[in-house]
């Protein structure tokens, strides 16, 4: 499964180019970003796709020296349960 990068989002499409999963983030100010939305098609539920998408945002924001505000309930849960994200949480 390929995770693609778009304008302030990471996403997964099916073979026909239809959106199956995405995480949307918004850089705000010089040192912050907000994860505002994560959605995974029911066909992919339970495969860790949402976790992988959030991890891609974390990786990108670390490269940009930004902290993350996880407003999306799924992303908030990931940050609450993943100690490795403590350093990047705003």
N, C-alpha and C. Protein backbone atom coordinates (compact mmCIF):
# COMPACT_ATOMS: atom_id res chain seq x y z
N UNK A 1 0.85 -1.18 0.00
CA UNK A 1 0.00 0.00 0.00
C UNK A 1 0.89 1.24 0.00
N UNK A 2 0.66 2.10 -0.94
CA UNK A 2 1.44 3.32 -1.05
C UNK A 2 0.73 4.46 -0.35
N UNK A 3 1.47 5.15 0.52
CA UNK A 3 0.94 6.36 1.15
C UNK A 3 1.47 7.53 0.33
N UNK A 4 0.55 8.30 -0.20
CA UNK A 4 0.87 9.43 -1.05
C UNK A 4 0.82 10.73 -0.25
N UNK A 5 1.53 11.73 -0.73
CA UNK A 5 1.53 13.02 -0.06
C UNK A 5 0.92 14.06 -0.98
N UNK A 6 0.00 14.83 -0.44
CA UNK A 6 -0.63 15.91 -1.19
C UNK A 6 -0.44 17.22 -0.44
N UNK A 7 -1.24 18.18 -0.77
CA UNK A 7 -1.18 19.48 -0.11
C UNK A 7 -1.74 19.37 1.30
N UNK A 8 -0.85 19.35 2.29
CA UNK A 8 -1.22 19.25 3.71
C UNK A 8 -2.03 18.00 4.03
N UNK A 9 -1.67 16.90 3.37
CA UNK A 9 -2.33 15.64 3.67
C UNK A 9 -1.48 14.47 3.19
N UNK A 10 -1.72 13.35 3.82
CA UNK A 10 -1.22 12.06 3.35
C UNK A 10 -2.44 11.22 3.08
N UNK A 11 -2.38 10.37 2.05
CA UNK A 11 -3.58 9.63 1.69
C UNK A 11 -3.23 8.32 0.98
N UNK A 12 -4.25 7.46 0.89
CA UNK A 12 -4.15 6.17 0.22
C UNK A 12 -5.31 6.09 -0.77
N UNK A 13 -4.99 5.74 -2.01
CA UNK A 13 -6.01 5.52 -3.04
C UNK A 13 -6.09 4.05 -3.39
N UNK A 14 -7.21 3.64 -3.96
CA UNK A 14 -7.30 2.28 -4.49
C UNK A 14 -6.71 2.27 -5.91
N UNK A 15 -6.74 1.14 -6.56
CA UNK A 15 -6.14 0.99 -7.89
C UNK A 15 -6.77 1.91 -8.93
N UNK A 16 -8.02 2.33 -8.68
CA UNK A 16 -8.71 3.22 -9.62
C UNK A 16 -8.54 4.69 -9.29
N UNK A 17 -7.78 4.99 -8.23
CA UNK A 17 -7.56 6.38 -7.86
C UNK A 17 -8.59 6.95 -6.90
N UNK A 18 -9.45 6.08 -6.36
CA UNK A 18 -10.46 6.54 -5.40
C UNK A 18 -9.83 6.62 -4.01
N UNK A 19 -10.17 7.67 -3.29
CA UNK A 19 -9.64 7.89 -1.95
C UNK A 19 -10.14 6.82 -0.98
N UNK A 20 -9.20 6.18 -0.27
CA UNK A 20 -9.55 5.17 0.74
C UNK A 20 -9.24 5.63 2.16
N UNK A 21 -8.22 6.46 2.32
CA UNK A 21 -7.85 6.92 3.65
C UNK A 21 -7.06 8.21 3.53
N UNK A 22 -7.18 9.08 4.55
CA UNK A 22 -6.40 10.30 4.54
C UNK A 22 -6.26 10.88 5.94
N UNK A 23 -5.20 11.64 6.11
CA UNK A 23 -5.02 12.47 7.29
C UNK A 23 -4.73 13.87 6.77
N UNK A 24 -5.41 14.85 7.35
CA UNK A 24 -5.28 16.23 6.92
C UNK A 24 -4.68 17.03 8.07
N UNK A 25 -3.63 17.80 7.76
CA UNK A 25 -2.99 18.63 8.78
C UNK A 25 -2.84 20.04 8.24
N UNK A 26 -2.75 21.00 9.16
CA UNK A 26 -2.65 22.40 8.78
C UNK A 26 -1.47 23.02 9.52
N UNK A 27 -0.40 23.38 8.79
CA UNK A 27 0.66 24.14 9.45
C UNK A 27 0.10 25.48 9.90
N UNK A 28 0.44 25.88 11.11
CA UNK A 28 -0.06 27.15 11.63
C UNK A 28 1.08 27.86 12.35
N UNK A 29 1.32 29.08 11.99
CA UNK A 29 2.46 29.79 12.55
C UNK A 29 3.76 29.16 12.07
N UNK A 30 4.85 29.50 12.74
CA UNK A 30 6.16 28.99 12.32
C UNK A 30 6.48 27.61 12.88
N UNK A 31 5.89 27.26 14.03
CA UNK A 31 6.35 26.07 14.73
C UNK A 31 5.25 25.10 15.13
N UNK A 32 4.06 25.24 14.57
CA UNK A 32 2.94 24.37 14.93
C UNK A 32 2.26 23.80 13.70
N UNK A 33 1.59 22.69 13.91
CA UNK A 33 0.70 22.11 12.91
C UNK A 33 -0.45 21.46 13.66
N UNK A 34 -1.61 21.45 13.05
CA UNK A 34 -2.80 20.84 13.62
C UNK A 34 -3.20 19.65 12.76
N UNK A 35 -3.37 18.49 13.39
CA UNK A 35 -3.98 17.37 12.67
C UNK A 35 -5.48 17.52 12.88
N UNK A 36 -6.17 17.81 11.80
CA UNK A 36 -7.59 18.14 11.96
C UNK A 36 -8.53 17.02 11.54
N UNK A 37 -8.04 16.05 10.76
CA UNK A 37 -8.99 15.05 10.25
C UNK A 37 -8.24 13.78 9.85
N UNK A 38 -8.77 12.64 10.26
CA UNK A 38 -8.27 11.35 9.80
C UNK A 38 -9.49 10.52 9.42
N UNK A 39 -9.43 9.88 8.27
CA UNK A 39 -10.54 9.05 7.83
C UNK A 39 -9.99 7.83 7.11
N UNK A 40 -10.53 6.65 7.45
CA UNK A 40 -10.12 5.41 6.82
C UNK A 40 -11.37 4.66 6.37
N UNK A 41 -11.40 4.25 5.12
CA UNK A 41 -12.52 3.48 4.59
C UNK A 41 -12.71 2.21 5.41
N UNK A 42 -13.96 1.81 5.65
CA UNK A 42 -14.20 0.58 6.43
C UNK A 42 -13.47 -0.66 5.86
N UNK A 43 -13.23 -0.69 4.57
CA UNK A 43 -12.53 -1.84 3.96
C UNK A 43 -11.10 -1.98 4.48
N UNK A 44 -10.54 -0.88 5.01
CA UNK A 44 -9.16 -0.90 5.51
C UNK A 44 -9.07 -0.90 7.03
N UNK A 45 -10.21 -0.82 7.70
CA UNK A 45 -10.20 -0.78 9.17
C UNK A 45 -9.47 -1.98 9.73
N UNK A 46 -8.73 -1.74 10.81
CA UNK A 46 -8.02 -2.81 11.49
C UNK A 46 -6.67 -3.17 10.89
N UNK A 47 -6.25 -2.44 9.86
CA UNK A 47 -4.97 -2.73 9.20
C UNK A 47 -3.87 -1.74 9.59
N UNK A 48 -4.16 -0.85 10.51
CA UNK A 48 -3.16 0.10 10.96
C UNK A 48 -2.91 1.25 10.01
N UNK A 49 -3.81 1.46 9.07
CA UNK A 49 -3.62 2.52 8.08
C UNK A 49 -3.66 3.90 8.74
N UNK A 50 -4.60 4.12 9.63
CA UNK A 50 -4.69 5.40 10.32
C UNK A 50 -3.42 5.70 11.10
N UNK A 51 -2.89 4.71 11.79
CA UNK A 51 -1.64 4.86 12.55
C UNK A 51 -0.50 5.24 11.61
N UNK A 52 -0.43 4.61 10.45
CA UNK A 52 0.63 4.91 9.50
C UNK A 52 0.51 6.33 8.96
N UNK A 53 -0.71 6.77 8.73
CA UNK A 53 -0.93 8.12 8.23
C UNK A 53 -0.50 9.16 9.27
N UNK A 54 -0.89 8.96 10.52
CA UNK A 54 -0.48 9.88 11.59
C UNK A 54 1.04 9.87 11.72
N UNK A 55 1.66 8.71 11.62
CA UNK A 55 3.12 8.61 11.72
C UNK A 55 3.81 9.41 10.61
N UNK A 56 3.22 9.45 9.42
CA UNK A 56 3.78 10.23 8.32
C UNK A 56 3.75 11.73 8.65
N UNK A 57 2.66 12.18 9.26
CA UNK A 57 2.58 13.59 9.66
C UNK A 57 3.65 13.88 10.72
N UNK A 58 3.78 12.99 11.69
CA UNK A 58 4.78 13.17 12.74
C UNK A 58 6.17 13.27 12.13
N UNK A 59 6.48 12.37 11.22
CA UNK A 59 7.79 12.38 10.56
C UNK A 59 8.04 13.70 9.83
N UNK A 60 7.05 14.15 9.08
CA UNK A 60 7.19 15.40 8.31
C UNK A 60 7.34 16.60 9.24
N UNK A 61 6.55 16.65 10.31
CA UNK A 61 6.61 17.79 11.22
C UNK A 61 7.92 17.79 12.02
N UNK A 62 8.46 16.63 12.32
CA UNK A 62 9.79 16.58 12.96
C UNK A 62 10.84 17.18 12.03
N UNK A 63 10.75 16.88 10.75
CA UNK A 63 11.70 17.43 9.77
C UNK A 63 11.60 18.95 9.69
N UNK A 64 10.39 19.46 9.93
CA UNK A 64 10.15 20.91 9.85
C UNK A 64 10.25 21.60 11.21
N UNK A 65 10.64 20.84 12.24
CA UNK A 65 10.76 21.38 13.60
C UNK A 65 9.46 22.03 14.08
N UNK A 66 8.36 21.35 13.81
CA UNK A 66 7.04 21.82 14.26
C UNK A 66 6.50 20.89 15.34
N UNK A 67 5.75 21.44 16.26
CA UNK A 67 5.00 20.67 17.23
C UNK A 67 3.60 20.44 16.65
N UNK A 68 2.93 19.40 17.13
CA UNK A 68 1.62 19.04 16.60
C UNK A 68 0.54 19.17 17.67
N UNK A 69 -0.57 19.76 17.26
CA UNK A 69 -1.80 19.77 18.07
C UNK A 69 -2.73 18.75 17.43
N UNK A 70 -2.98 17.61 18.08
CA UNK A 70 -3.85 16.59 17.49
C UNK A 70 -5.33 16.85 17.84
N UNK A 71 -6.00 17.66 17.04
CA UNK A 71 -7.42 17.96 17.29
C UNK A 71 -8.33 16.82 16.89
N UNK A 72 -7.99 16.11 15.85
CA UNK A 72 -8.78 14.97 15.39
C UNK A 72 -8.82 13.92 16.50
N UNK A 73 -9.99 13.37 16.83
CA UNK A 73 -10.08 12.37 17.90
C UNK A 73 -9.17 11.15 17.69
N UNK A 74 -9.05 10.68 16.45
CA UNK A 74 -8.18 9.53 16.20
C UNK A 74 -6.72 9.89 16.46
N UNK A 75 -6.29 11.03 15.94
CA UNK A 75 -4.91 11.47 16.14
C UNK A 75 -4.64 11.72 17.62
N UNK A 76 -5.60 12.30 18.32
CA UNK A 76 -5.44 12.53 19.76
C UNK A 76 -5.23 11.21 20.48
N UNK A 77 -6.01 10.20 20.12
CA UNK A 77 -5.84 8.87 20.73
C UNK A 77 -4.45 8.32 20.44
N UNK A 78 -3.98 8.48 19.21
CA UNK A 78 -2.64 8.01 18.85
C UNK A 78 -1.57 8.71 19.69
N UNK A 79 -1.71 10.01 19.88
CA UNK A 79 -0.75 10.75 20.69
C UNK A 79 -0.85 10.36 22.16
N UNK A 80 -2.07 10.09 22.63
CA UNK A 80 -2.26 9.69 24.03
C UNK A 80 -1.66 8.32 24.32
N UNK A 81 -1.60 7.45 23.32
CA UNK A 81 -1.17 6.06 23.53
C UNK A 81 0.20 5.73 22.93
N UNK A 82 0.87 6.73 22.36
CA UNK A 82 2.18 6.49 21.75
C UNK A 82 3.21 7.39 22.44
N UNK A 83 3.94 6.84 23.41
CA UNK A 83 4.91 7.66 24.15
C UNK A 83 5.96 8.32 23.25
N UNK A 84 6.28 7.72 22.12
CA UNK A 84 7.27 8.30 21.21
C UNK A 84 6.84 9.62 20.60
N UNK A 85 5.58 9.97 20.73
CA UNK A 85 5.09 11.23 20.18
C UNK A 85 5.10 12.37 21.21
N UNK A 86 5.48 12.08 22.44
CA UNK A 86 5.43 13.09 23.51
C UNK A 86 6.28 14.31 23.18
N UNK A 87 7.42 14.10 22.52
CA UNK A 87 8.33 15.19 22.22
C UNK A 87 7.80 16.16 21.16
N UNK A 88 6.87 15.72 20.37
CA UNK A 88 6.39 16.56 19.27
C UNK A 88 5.00 17.14 19.54
N UNK A 89 4.40 16.73 20.62
CA UNK A 89 3.05 17.23 20.94
C UNK A 89 3.13 18.63 21.52
N UNK A 90 2.29 19.51 20.99
CA UNK A 90 2.26 20.90 21.48
C UNK A 90 1.45 20.99 22.76
